[in-house]
Amino acid sequence: MRIRLLGFTAAVILAVLGAMGPVAQAAAPGVDGQKCTTGGGSVEYNSSSGLWTCVGGQYSGESVP
């Protein structure tokens, strides 16, 4: 009985931590256009992904919100 309870508790904890991962990434500050250009890059629109990205420089490949 204890092993089942321990396994269930571990599964719940892992599920909660797994759900929090994308939320933590979304809350992390991204590279804005000013940082991109200051770092030597340029902000360009990628029509295939529909996202603005920093091309070249220190933040190359980073998404720009």
Protein backbone atom coordinates (compact mmCIF):
# COMPACT_ATOMS: atom_id res chain seq x y z
CA MET A 1 0.00 0.00 0.00
CA ARG A 2 2.83 2.41 0.86
CA ILE A 3 4.61 1.73 -2.42
CA ARG A 4 1.46 2.52 -4.41
CA LEU A 5 0.97 5.75 -2.49
CA LEU A 6 4.62 6.69 -2.99
CA GLY A 7 4.40 5.93 -6.73
CA PHE A 8 1.20 7.94 -7.10
CA THR A 9 2.73 10.89 -5.24
CA ALA A 10 5.84 10.78 -7.42
CA ALA A 11 3.71 10.66 -10.57
CA VAL A 12 1.68 13.69 -9.47
CA ILE A 13 4.82 15.67 -8.62
CA LEU A 14 6.41 14.85 -11.99
CA ALA A 15 3.22 15.82 -13.83
CA VAL A 16 3.09 19.17 -12.06
CA LEU A 17 6.77 19.87 -12.75
CA GLY A 18 6.32 18.88 -16.39
CA ALA A 19 3.42 21.27 -16.78
CA MET A 20 5.41 24.11 -15.20
CA GLY A 21 8.30 23.83 -17.70
CA PRO A 22 6.68 25.64 -20.64
CA VAL A 23 5.24 28.27 -18.31
CA ALA A 24 8.69 29.05 -16.95
CA GLN A 25 10.10 29.35 -20.47
CA ALA A 26 7.32 31.69 -21.53
CA ALA A 27 7.90 33.87 -18.47
CA ALA A 28 11.62 34.21 -19.19
CA PRO A 29 12.46 37.52 -20.81
CA GLY A 30 13.36 37.21 -24.47
CA VAL A 31 15.54 39.30 -26.71
CA ASP A 32 13.83 42.47 -27.85
CA GLY A 33 14.60 44.37 -31.04
CA GLN A 34 16.85 46.86 -29.28
CA LYS A 35 19.00 44.12 -27.73
CA CYS A 36 19.25 42.37 -31.08
CA THR A 37 20.47 45.44 -32.96
CA THR A 38 22.78 46.49 -30.12
CA GLY A 39 24.32 43.01 -30.22
CA GLY A 40 25.16 43.44 -33.90
CA GLY A 41 22.17 41.66 -35.44
CA SER A 42 19.04 42.62 -37.32
CA VAL A 43 15.40 41.74 -36.68
CA GLU A 44 13.86 39.85 -39.59
CA TYR A 45 10.48 38.23 -40.18
CA ASN A 46 10.53 34.51 -40.97
CA SER A 47 7.45 33.88 -43.12
CA SER A 48 7.69 30.09 -42.84
CA SER A 49 7.45 30.12 -39.04
CA GLY A 50 5.53 33.41 -38.69
CA LEU A 51 7.97 34.70 -36.09
CA TRP A 52 10.36 37.63 -35.84
CA THR A 53 13.92 36.48 -35.18
CA CYS A 54 17.30 38.06 -34.57
CA VAL A 55 19.69 37.30 -37.41
CA GLY A 56 23.42 37.70 -36.91
CA GLY A 57 25.26 39.19 -33.98
CA GLN A 58 25.29 38.04 -30.37
CA TYR A 59 21.65 36.88 -30.23
CA SER A 60 21.45 35.19 -33.65
CA GLY A 61 18.53 32.77 -33.92
CA GLU A 62 16.71 34.10 -30.86
CA SER A 63 13.01 34.83 -31.13
CA VAL A 64 11.97 38.49 -30.84
CA PRO A 65 8.55 39.11 -29.27
